[in-house]
Amino acid sequence: MEISIHPSSIIAPGASIGPGVRVGPFCTIGPEVVIGAGAELISHVVVDGRTRIGEDAKLYPFCTVGLGPQDLKYAGEPTETELGPRSVLREHVSIHRGTATGTGITRVGADCLLMAVVHVAHDCVIGNGVVIANNVVMGGHVHIGDNAVIGGAAAIHQFVRIGRAAMVGGVSGVEADVIPFGSVMGNRAWLAGLNVIGLRRRGYDRAQIHTVRAAFRLLFRGEGVFAERVEQARQNWGNDALVAEILAFIDTPSRRGLIHAAVEDEDDAA
């Protein structure tokens, strides 16, 4: 496959450009960048640092990937950035490289869609199939699980974990962890229920959703000490894969704690 590079673009010596890559006008690619086969940089895209762009990824105008982090401790260490195959970055997306005091890499998985003006800060890890709507911002070290959906203009605090297939409502301020399959909204965000639509889209049937809903109600609507409710859920449904995933998420140490339910909400009915 033939490489196509517009004459106005600047490709530094040392950059690796895969077969079939298309680089449009006024792009800048740094010397340590690797761009996978079939990727496209439409125009005015900057890719720098130790950055890998996956096969068939598509970057729209004014994206920046792999520039230095907004971290006062960063001293130019050779940290990394990775964008997975087939992921799409719309206009003005910025993804900053990792830091030496963090994991050293910022990673966006495969088949993701980051809409216009999304900011992915240093040391963030975004899973596969994640959709992030316009104007979402996140602090450093955020982890977002596979197939999560983040609504427009949400703000995610540093070190927050968002579980697999969770849903964050638009204009939400998220300052604590979101369980897998959870649905949160508000400023500050509260746990509104389960992302049942997302579960159905992932192919889970009514019985599976009913089980995880029962566990959710015990965990987040039940009375008494939360740790005791966790153990009761483990006894009742610990062998169920979805419930076990939520319990494992709860058990994992976190710097931010969990988002909990605020009010009774039956929107998660299956």
C-alpha atoms as a PDB file:
ATOM      1  CA  MET A   1       0.000   0.000   0.000  1.00  0.00           C
ATOM      2  CA  GLU A   2       1.353   3.388  -1.014  1.00  0.00           C
ATOM      3  CA  ILE A   3       2.091   6.080   1.587  1.00  0.00           C
ATOM      4  CA  SER A   4       0.611   9.516   0.866  1.00  0.00           C
ATOM      5  CA  ILE A   5       2.201  12.569   2.538  1.00  0.00           C
ATOM      6  CA  HIS A   6       1.196  16.116   1.654  1.00  0.00           C
ATOM      7  CA  PRO A   7       4.235  18.271   0.789  1.00  0.00           C
ATOM      8  CA  SER A   8       3.336  20.852   3.468  1.00  0.00           C
ATOM      9  CA  SER A   9       3.682  18.287   6.275  1.00  0.00           C
ATOM     10  CA  ILE A  10       6.914  17.789   8.225  1.00  0.00           C
ATOM     11  CA  ILE A  11       8.042  14.239   8.989  1.00  0.00           C
ATOM     12  CA  ALA A  12      11.116  14.141  11.225  1.00  0.00           C
ATOM     13  CA  PRO A  13      13.948  11.721  10.353  1.00  0.00           C
ATOM     14  CA  GLY A  14      13.514   8.543  12.377  1.00  0.00           C
ATOM     15  CA  ALA A  15       9.713   8.504  12.299  1.00  0.00           C
ATOM     16  CA  SER A  16       8.230   5.179  11.184  1.00  0.00           C
ATOM     17  CA  ILE A  17       5.352   5.472   8.742  1.00  0.00           C
ATOM     18  CA  GLY A  18       3.483   2.262   7.917  1.00  0.00           C
ATOM     19  CA  PRO A  19       2.117   1.199   4.549  1.00  0.00           C
ATOM     20  CA  GLY A  20      -0.991   2.963   3.323  1.00  0.00           C
ATOM     21  CA  VAL A  21      -0.674   5.847   5.797  1.00  0.00           C
ATOM     22  CA  ARG A  22      -2.181   9.148   4.615  1.00  0.00           C
ATOM     23  CA  VAL A  23      -0.829  12.399   6.023  1.00  0.00           C
ATOM     24  CA  GLY A  24      -2.754  15.502   4.980  1.00  0.00           C
ATOM     25  CA  PRO A  25      -1.655  19.149   4.918  1.00  0.00           C
ATOM     26  CA  PHE A  26       0.307  20.892   7.663  1.00  0.00           C
ATOM     27  CA  CYS A  27       0.893  17.908   9.960  1.00  0.00           C
ATOM     28  CA  THR A  28       4.001  17.502  12.132  1.00  0.00           C
ATOM     29  CA  ILE A  29       5.334  14.072  13.102  1.00  0.00           C
ATOM     30  CA  GLY A  30       8.222  13.718  15.562  1.00  0.00           C
ATOM     31  CA  PRO A  31      11.316  11.508  15.228  1.00  0.00           C
ATOM     32  CA  GLU A  32      10.193   8.752  17.644  1.00  0.00           C
ATOM     33  CA  VAL A  33       6.654   8.386  16.345  1.00  0.00           C
ATOM     34  CA  VAL A  34       5.401   5.082  14.895  1.00  0.00           C
ATOM     35  CA  ILE A  35       2.275   5.233  12.744  1.00  0.00           C
ATOM     36  CA  GLY A  36       0.603   1.940  11.882  1.00  0.00           C
ATOM     37  CA  ALA A  37      -0.600   0.813   8.473  1.00  0.00           C
ATOM     38  CA  GLY A  38      -3.616   2.549   7.019  1.00  0.00           C
ATOM     39  CA  ALA A  39      -3.805   5.344   9.594  1.00  0.00           C
ATOM     40  CA  GLU A  40      -4.897   8.792   8.448  1.00  0.00           C
ATOM     41  CA  LEU A  41      -3.964  12.257   9.713  1.00  0.00           C
ATOM     42  CA  ILE A  42      -6.437  14.538   7.961  1.00  0.00           C
ATOM     43  CA  SER A  43      -4.691  17.897   8.451  1.00  0.00           C
ATOM     44  CA  HIS A  44      -2.991  20.140  11.059  1.00  0.00           C
ATOM     45  CA  VAL A  45      -2.263  17.157  13.337  1.00  0.00           C
ATOM     46  CA  VAL A  46       0.753  17.099  15.684  1.00  0.00           C
ATOM     47  CA  VAL A  47       2.146  13.754  16.886  1.00  0.00           C
ATOM     48  CA  ASP A  48       5.314  13.860  18.993  1.00  0.00           C
ATOM     49  CA  GLY A  49       7.321  11.991  21.611  1.00  0.00           C
ATOM     50  CA  ARG A  50       7.519   8.208  21.918  1.00  0.00           C
ATOM     51  CA  THR A  51       4.092   7.711  20.409  1.00  0.00           C
ATOM     52  CA  ARG A  52       2.496   4.755  18.619  1.00  0.00           C
ATOM     53  CA  ILE A  53      -0.578   5.265  16.458  1.00  0.00           C
ATOM     54  CA  GLY A  54      -2.453   2.028  15.706  1.00  0.00           C
ATOM     55  CA  GLU A  55      -3.444   0.674  12.340  1.00  0.00           C
ATOM     56  CA  ASP A  56      -6.364   2.398  10.598  1.00  0.00           C
ATOM     57  CA  ALA A  57      -6.650   5.077  13.287  1.00  0.00           C
ATOM     58  CA  LYS A  58      -8.052   8.398  12.088  1.00  0.00           C
ATOM     59  CA  LEU A  59      -7.022  11.789  13.471  1.00  0.00           C
ATOM     60  CA  TYR A  60      -9.016  14.884  12.553  1.00  0.00           C
ATOM     61  CA  PRO A  61      -7.694  18.461  12.298  1.00  0.00           C
ATOM     62  CA  PHE A  62      -5.901  20.077  15.232  1.00  0.00           C
ATOM     63  CA  CYS A  63      -5.433  16.886  17.268  1.00  0.00           C
ATOM     64  CA  THR A  64      -2.269  16.703  19.358  1.00  0.00           C
ATOM     65  CA  VAL A  65      -0.955  13.341  20.556  1.00  0.00           C
ATOM     66  CA  GLY A  66       2.141  12.682  22.651  1.00  0.00           C
ATOM     67  CA  LEU A  67       3.048  16.213  23.713  1.00  0.00           C
ATOM     68  CA  GLY A  68       4.427  16.825  27.200  1.00  0.00           C
ATOM     69  CA  PRO A  69       2.069  16.504  30.173  1.00  0.00           C
ATOM     70  CA  GLN A  70       0.643  19.396  32.177  1.00  0.00           C
ATOM     71  CA  ASP A  71       2.509  18.235  35.261  1.00  0.00           C
ATOM     72  CA  LEU A  72       4.919  20.567  37.057  1.00  0.00           C
ATOM     73  CA  LYS A  73       7.049  17.560  38.115  1.00  0.00           C
ATOM     74  CA  TYR A  74       7.651  16.504  34.515  1.00  0.00           C
ATOM     75  CA  ALA A  75      11.279  17.120  33.506  1.00  0.00           C
ATOM     76  CA  GLY A  76      11.342  15.874  29.931  1.00  0.00           C
ATOM     77  CA  GLU A  77      11.656  12.144  30.691  1.00  0.00           C
ATOM     78  CA  PRO A  78      11.178   9.857  27.651  1.00  0.00           C
ATOM     79  CA  THR A  79       7.660   8.682  28.464  1.00  0.00           C
ATOM     80  CA  GLU A  80       5.126   7.249  26.006  1.00  0.00           C
ATOM     81  CA  THR A  81       1.710   7.549  24.390  1.00  0.00           C
ATOM     82  CA  GLU A  82      -0.305   4.868  22.599  1.00  0.00           C
ATOM     83  CA  LEU A  83      -3.437   5.082  20.459  1.00  0.00           C
ATOM     84  CA  GLY A  84      -5.043   1.753  19.537  1.00  0.00           C
ATOM     85  CA  PRO A  85      -6.096   0.458  16.132  1.00  0.00           C
ATOM     86  CA  ARG A  86      -9.156   1.930  14.434  1.00  0.00           C
ATOM     87  CA  SER A  87      -9.649   4.590  17.065  1.00  0.00           C
ATOM     88  CA  VAL A  88     -10.949   7.970  15.912  1.00  0.00           C
ATOM     89  CA  LEU A  89      -9.932  11.332  17.342  1.00  0.00           C
ATOM     90  CA  ARG A  90     -12.147  14.217  16.325  1.00  0.00           C
ATOM     91  CA  GLU A  91     -11.145  17.873  16.128  1.00  0.00           C
ATOM     92  CA  HIS A  92      -8.957  19.402  18.872  1.00  0.00           C
ATOM     93  CA  VAL A  93      -8.502  16.186  20.901  1.00  0.00           C
ATOM     94  CA  SER A  94      -5.360  16.305  23.064  1.00  0.00           C
ATOM     95  CA  ILE A  95      -3.660  13.223  24.516  1.00  0.00           C
ATOM     96  CA  HIS A  96      -0.577  13.874  26.668  1.00  0.00           C
ATOM     97  CA  ARG A  97       2.279  11.458  27.254  1.00  0.00           C
ATOM     98  CA  GLY A  98       2.808   9.725  30.599  1.00  0.00           C
ATOM     99  CA  THR A  99       5.080  10.808  33.430  1.00  0.00           C
ATOM    100  CA  ALA A 100       8.047   9.217  35.154  1.00  0.00           C
ATOM    101  CA  THR A 101       6.263   9.507  38.501  1.00  0.00           C
ATOM    102  CA  GLY A 102       3.208   7.741  37.036  1.00  0.00           C
ATOM    103  CA  THR A 103       3.106   4.656  34.830  1.00  0.00           C
ATOM    104  CA  GLY A 104       5.182   6.269  32.094  1.00  0.00           C
ATOM    105  CA  ILE A 105       2.525   5.795  29.419  1.00  0.00           C
ATOM    106  CA  THR A 106      -0.845   7.206  28.422  1.00  0.00           C
ATOM    107  CA  ARG A 107      -2.891   4.615  26.552  1.00  0.00           C
ATOM    108  CA  VAL A 108      -6.106   4.783  24.521  1.00  0.00           C
ATOM    109  CA  GLY A 109      -7.345   1.375  23.361  1.00  0.00           C
ATOM    110  CA  ALA A 110      -8.737   0.064  20.087  1.00  0.00           C
ATOM    111  CA  ASP A 111     -12.003   1.086  18.421  1.00  0.00           C
ATOM    112  CA  CYS A 112     -12.514   4.166  20.582  1.00  0.00           C
ATOM    113  CA  LEU A 113     -14.269   7.374  19.553  1.00  0.00           C
ATOM    114  CA  LEU A 114     -13.084  10.576  21.197  1.00  0.00           C
ATOM    115  CA  MET A 115     -15.282  13.434  20.027  1.00  0.00           C
ATOM    116  CA  ALA A 116     -14.236  17.063  19.620  1.00  0.00           C
ATOM    117  CA  VAL A 117     -12.175  18.829  22.311  1.00  0.00           C
ATOM    118  CA  VAL A 118     -11.662  15.802  24.571  1.00  0.00           C
ATOM    119  CA  HIS A 119      -8.574  16.012  26.796  1.00  0.00           C
ATOM    120  CA  VAL A 120      -6.828  12.825  27.962  1.00  0.00           C
ATOM    121  CA  ALA A 121      -4.255  13.710  30.602  1.00  0.00           C
ATOM    122  CA  HIS A 122      -0.963  12.011  31.480  1.00  0.00           C
ATOM    123  CA  ASP A 123      -0.940   8.367  32.609  1.00  0.00           C
ATOM    124  CA  CYS A 124      -4.604   7.788  31.752  1.00  0.00           C
ATOM    125  CA  VAL A 125      -5.629   4.334  30.531  1.00  0.00           C
ATOM    126  CA  ILE A 126      -8.714   4.078  28.332  1.00  0.00           C
ATOM    127  CA  GLY A 127      -9.946   0.624  27.349  1.00  0.00           C
ATOM    128  CA  ASN A 128     -11.314  -0.675  24.049  1.00  0.00           C
ATOM    129  CA  GLY A 129     -14.551   0.493  22.464  1.00  0.00           C
ATOM    130  CA  VAL A 130     -14.896   3.548  24.703  1.00  0.00           C
ATOM    131  CA  VAL A 131     -16.989   6.504  23.496  1.00  0.00           C
ATOM    132  CA  ILE A 132     -16.150   9.923  24.956  1.00  0.00           C
ATOM    133  CA  ALA A 133     -18.412  12.785  23.885  1.00  0.00           C
ATOM    134  CA  ASN A 134     -17.502  16.410  23.194  1.00  0.00           C
ATOM    135  CA  ASN A 135     -15.621  18.597  25.694  1.00  0.00           C
ATOM    136  CA  VAL A 136     -14.868  15.867  28.248  1.00  0.00           C
ATOM    137  CA  VAL A 137     -11.809  16.569  30.403  1.00  0.00           C
ATOM    138  CA  MET A 138      -9.958  14.246  32.728  1.00  0.00           C
ATOM    139  CA  GLY A 139      -7.131  14.622  35.185  1.00  0.00           C
ATOM    140  CA  GLY A 140      -4.074  12.387  35.273  1.00  0.00           C
ATOM    141  CA  HIS A 141      -4.126   8.661  36.051  1.00  0.00           C
ATOM    142  CA  VAL A 142      -7.803   8.114  35.158  1.00  0.00           C
ATOM    143  CA  HIS A 143      -8.733   4.537  34.176  1.00  0.00           C
ATOM    144  CA  ILE A 144     -11.780   3.908  31.974  1.00  0.00           C
ATOM    145  CA  GLY A 145     -12.876   0.324  31.301  1.00  0.00           C
ATOM    146  CA  ASP A 146     -13.880  -1.225  27.971  1.00  0.00           C
ATOM    147  CA  ASN A 147     -17.116  -0.047  26.322  1.00  0.00           C
ATOM    148  CA  ALA A 148     -17.752   2.768  28.785  1.00  0.00           C
ATOM    149  CA  VAL A 149     -19.619   5.859  27.555  1.00  0.00           C
ATOM    150  CA  ILE A 150     -18.764   9.326  28.864  1.00  0.00           C
ATOM    151  CA  GLY A 151     -21.341  12.054  28.229  1.00  0.00           C
ATOM    152  CA  GLY A 152     -20.481  15.493  26.894  1.00  0.00           C
ATOM    153  CA  ALA A 153     -18.732  18.075  29.088  1.00  0.00           C
ATOM    154  CA  ALA A 154     -18.137  15.612  31.935  1.00  0.00           C
ATOM    155  CA  ALA A 155     -15.134  16.326  34.165  1.00  0.00           C
ATOM    156  CA  ILE A 156     -13.285  13.358  35.677  1.00  0.00           C
ATOM    157  CA  HIS A 157     -11.034  13.851  38.693  1.00  0.00           C
ATOM    158  CA  GLN A 158      -7.492  12.487  38.683  1.00  0.00           C
ATOM    159  CA  PHE A 159      -7.070   8.846  39.784  1.00  0.00           C
ATOM    160  CA  VAL A 160     -10.756   8.039  39.244  1.00  0.00           C
ATOM    161  CA  ARG A 161     -11.610   4.555  37.936  1.00  0.00           C
ATOM    162  CA  ILE A 162     -14.621   4.054  35.682  1.00  0.00           C
ATOM    163  CA  GLY A 163     -15.623   0.413  35.321  1.00  0.00           C
ATOM    164  CA  ARG A 164     -16.402  -1.580  32.190  1.00  0.00           C
ATOM    165  CA  ALA A 165     -19.570  -0.603  30.291  1.00  0.00           C
ATOM    166  CA  ALA A 166     -20.378   2.182  32.751  1.00  0.00           C
ATOM    167  CA  MET A 167     -22.241   5.325  31.700  1.00  0.00           C
ATOM    168  CA  VAL A 168     -21.369   8.857  32.835  1.00  0.00           C
ATOM    169  CA  GLY A 169     -24.083  11.432  32.160  1.00  0.00           C
ATOM    170  CA  GLY A 170     -23.323  14.707  30.434  1.00  0.00           C
ATOM    171  CA  VAL A 171     -22.028  17.664  32.462  1.00  0.00           C
ATOM    172  CA  SER A 172     -21.242  15.376  35.422  1.00  0.00           C
ATOM    173  CA  GLY A 173     -18.434  16.043  37.872  1.00  0.00           C
ATOM    174  CA  VAL A 174     -16.948  12.630  38.668  1.00  0.00           C
ATOM    175  CA  GLU A 175     -14.697  12.647  41.733  1.00  0.00           C
ATOM    176  CA  ALA A 176     -14.958   9.005  42.854  1.00  0.00           C
ATOM    177  CA  ASP A 177     -14.954   5.563  41.237  1.00  0.00           C
ATOM    178  CA  VAL A 178     -17.837   4.286  39.101  1.00  0.00           C
ATOM    179  CA  ILE A 179     -18.635   0.560  39.371  1.00  0.00           C
ATOM    180  CA  PRO A 180     -18.730  -1.598  36.219  1.00  0.00           C
ATOM    181  CA  PHE A 181     -22.132  -1.283  34.477  1.00  0.00           C
ATOM    182  CA  GLY A 182     -23.038   1.671  36.718  1.00  0.00           C
ATOM    183  CA  SER A 183     -24.773   4.840  35.540  1.00  0.00           C
ATOM    184  CA  VAL A 184     -23.838   8.117  37.235  1.00  0.00           C
ATOM    185  CA  MET A 185     -24.927  11.708  36.759  1.00  0.00           C
ATOM    186  CA  GLY A 186     -24.889  15.104  38.404  1.00  0.00           C
ATOM    187  CA  ASN A 187     -22.490  17.584  39.916  1.00  0.00           C
ATOM    188  CA  ARG A 188     -21.103  16.002  41.976  1.00  0.00           C
ATOM    189  CA  ALA A 189     -22.013  12.725  40.319  1.00  0.00           C
ATOM    190  CA  TRP A 190     -24.154  10.150  42.164  1.00  0.00           C
ATOM    191  CA  LEU A 191     -24.943   6.560  41.274  1.00  0.00           C
ATOM    192  CA  ALA A 192     -28.322   6.626  39.521  1.00  0.00           C
ATOM    193  CA  GLY A 193     -28.600   2.937  38.673  1.00  0.00           C
ATOM    194  CA  LEU A 194     -27.243   0.399  36.207  1.00  0.00           C
ATOM    195  CA  ASN A 195     -26.406   1.043  32.572  1.00  0.00           C
ATOM    196  CA  VAL A 196     -29.018  -1.493  31.460  1.00  0.00           C
ATOM    197  CA  ILE A 197     -29.054  -0.236  27.869  1.00  0.00           C
ATOM    198  CA  GLY A 198     -25.308  -0.830  27.696  1.00  0.00           C
ATOM    199  CA  LEU A 199     -25.692  -4.333  29.141  1.00  0.00           C
ATOM    200  CA  ARG A 200     -28.321  -5.194  26.538  1.00  0.00           C
ATOM    201  CA  ARG A 201     -26.101  -3.851  23.774  1.00  0.00           C
ATOM    202  CA  ARG A 202     -23.313  -6.106  25.033  1.00  0.00           C
ATOM    203  CA  GLY A 203     -25.638  -9.113  24.620  1.00  0.00           C
ATOM    204  CA  TYR A 204     -26.551  -9.862  28.244  1.00  0.00           C
ATOM    205  CA  ASP A 205     -29.989 -11.421  28.636  1.00  0.00           C
ATOM    206  CA  ARG A 206     -32.846 -10.580  31.011  1.00  0.00           C
ATOM    207  CA  ALA A 207     -31.852 -13.192  33.596  1.00  0.00           C
ATOM    208  CA  GLN A 208     -28.262 -11.932  33.764  1.00  0.00           C
ATOM    209  CA  ILE A 209     -29.431  -8.346  34.106  1.00  0.00           C
ATOM    210  CA  HIS A 210     -31.937  -9.359  36.793  1.00  0.00           C
ATOM    211  CA  THR A 211     -29.142 -10.953  38.858  1.00  0.00           C
ATOM    212  CA  VAL A 212     -26.794  -7.976  38.630  1.00  0.00           C
ATOM    213  CA  ARG A 213     -29.703  -5.631  39.420  1.00  0.00           C
ATOM    214  CA  ALA A 214     -30.496  -7.618  42.578  1.00  0.00           C
ATOM    215  CA  ALA A 215     -26.872  -7.353  43.662  1.00  0.00           C
ATOM    216  CA  PHE A 216     -26.853  -3.629  42.864  1.00  0.00           C
ATOM    217  CA  ARG A 217     -29.928  -3.036  45.011  1.00  0.00           C
ATOM    218  CA  LEU A 218     -28.424  -4.879  47.957  1.00  0.00           C
ATOM    219  CA  LEU A 219     -25.096  -3.080  47.618  1.00  0.00           C
ATOM    220  CA  PHE A 220     -26.306   0.447  46.984  1.00  0.00           C
ATOM    221  CA  ARG A 221     -29.950   0.558  48.168  1.00  0.00           C
ATOM    222  CA  GLY A 222     -29.717  -1.757  51.145  1.00  0.00           C
ATOM    223  CA  GLU A 223     -29.506  -0.785  54.784  1.00  0.00           C
ATOM    224  CA  GLY A 224     -26.669  -1.302  57.216  1.00  0.00           C
ATOM    225  CA  VAL A 225     -22.891  -1.287  56.917  1.00  0.00           C
ATOM    226  CA  PHE A 226     -21.627  -1.267  53.338  1.00  0.00           C
ATOM    227  CA  ALA A 227     -18.855  -3.828  54.019  1.00  0.00           C
ATOM    228  CA  GLU A 228     -21.449  -6.260  55.363  1.00  0.00           C
ATOM    229  CA  ARG A 229     -23.614  -5.757  52.285  1.00  0.00           C
ATOM    230  CA  VAL A 230     -20.583  -6.519  50.091  1.00  0.00           C
ATOM    231  CA  GLU A 231     -20.057  -9.814  51.885  1.00  0.00           C
ATOM    232  CA  GLN A 232     -23.759 -10.659  51.620  1.00  0.00           C
ATOM    233  CA  ALA A 233     -23.653  -9.978  47.854  1.00  0.00           C
ATOM    234  CA  ARG A 234     -20.584 -12.199  47.605  1.00  0.00           C
ATOM    235  CA  GLN A 235     -22.427 -15.032  49.350  1.00  0.00           C
ATOM    236  CA  ASN A 236     -25.581 -14.624  47.268  1.00  0.00           C
ATOM    237  CA  TRP A 237     -24.177 -14.030  43.792  1.00  0.00           C
ATOM    238  CA  GLY A 238     -20.392 -14.338  43.974  1.00  0.00           C
ATOM    239  CA  ASN A 239     -20.377 -17.014  41.267  1.00  0.00           C
ATOM    240  CA  ASP A 240     -22.131 -14.746  38.762  1.00  0.00           C
ATOM    241  CA  ALA A 241     -19.555 -13.229  36.372  1.00  0.00           C
ATOM    242  CA  LEU A 242     -21.042  -9.728  36.274  1.00  0.00           C
ATOM    243  CA  VAL A 243     -21.535  -9.498  40.017  1.00  0.00           C
ATOM    244  CA  ALA A 244     -18.044 -10.892  40.605  1.00  0.00           C
ATOM    245  CA  GLU A 245     -16.635  -8.150  38.361  1.00  0.00           C
ATOM    246  CA  ILE A 246     -18.381  -5.455  40.400  1.00  0.00           C
ATOM    247  CA  LEU A 247     -17.184  -7.004  43.672  1.00  0.00           C
ATOM    248  CA  ALA A 248     -13.610  -7.243  42.384  1.00  0.00           C
ATOM    249  CA  PHE A 249     -13.784  -3.567  41.410  1.00  0.00           C
ATOM    250  CA  ILE A 250     -15.005  -2.665  44.903  1.00  0.00           C
ATOM    251  CA  ASP A 251     -12.261  -4.779  46.513  1.00  0.00           C
ATOM    252  CA  THR A 252      -9.467  -3.100  44.524  1.00  0.00           C
ATOM    253  CA  PRO A 253      -7.712  -0.374  46.551  1.00  0.00           C
ATOM    254  CA  SER A 254      -8.491   3.117  45.272  1.00  0.00           C
ATOM    255  CA  ARG A 255      -7.390   6.656  45.999  1.00  0.00           C
ATOM    256  CA  ARG A 256     -10.844   8.076  45.263  1.00  0.00           C
ATOM    257  CA  GLY A 257     -13.411   5.769  46.887  1.00  0.00           C
ATOM    258  CA  LEU A 258     -16.732   4.795  45.308  1.00  0.00           C
ATOM    259  CA  ILE A 259     -19.624   6.842  44.032  1.00  0.00           C
ATOM    260  CA  HIS A 260     -22.738   5.755  45.933  1.00  0.00           C
ATOM    261  CA  ALA A 261     -26.455   6.119  45.258  1.00  0.00           C
ATOM    262  CA  ALA A 262     -28.152   9.257  46.542  1.00  0.00           C
ATOM    263  CA  VAL A 263     -31.860   8.588  46.043  1.00  0.00           C
ATOM    264  CA  GLU A 264     -34.119   5.704  45.102  1.00  0.00           C
ATOM    265  CA  ASP A 265     -34.255   5.368  41.331  1.00  0.00           C
ATOM    266  CA  GLU A 266     -36.058   2.631  39.408  1.00  0.00           C
ATOM    267  CA  ASP A 267     -34.712   3.636  35.981  1.00  0.00           C
ATOM    268  CA  ASP A 268     -32.518   0.521  36.005  1.00  0.00           C
ATOM    269  CA  ALA A 269     -35.476  -1.873  35.737  1.00  0.00           C
ATOM    270  CA  ALA A 270     -34.809  -4.626  33.240  1.00  0.00           C
END
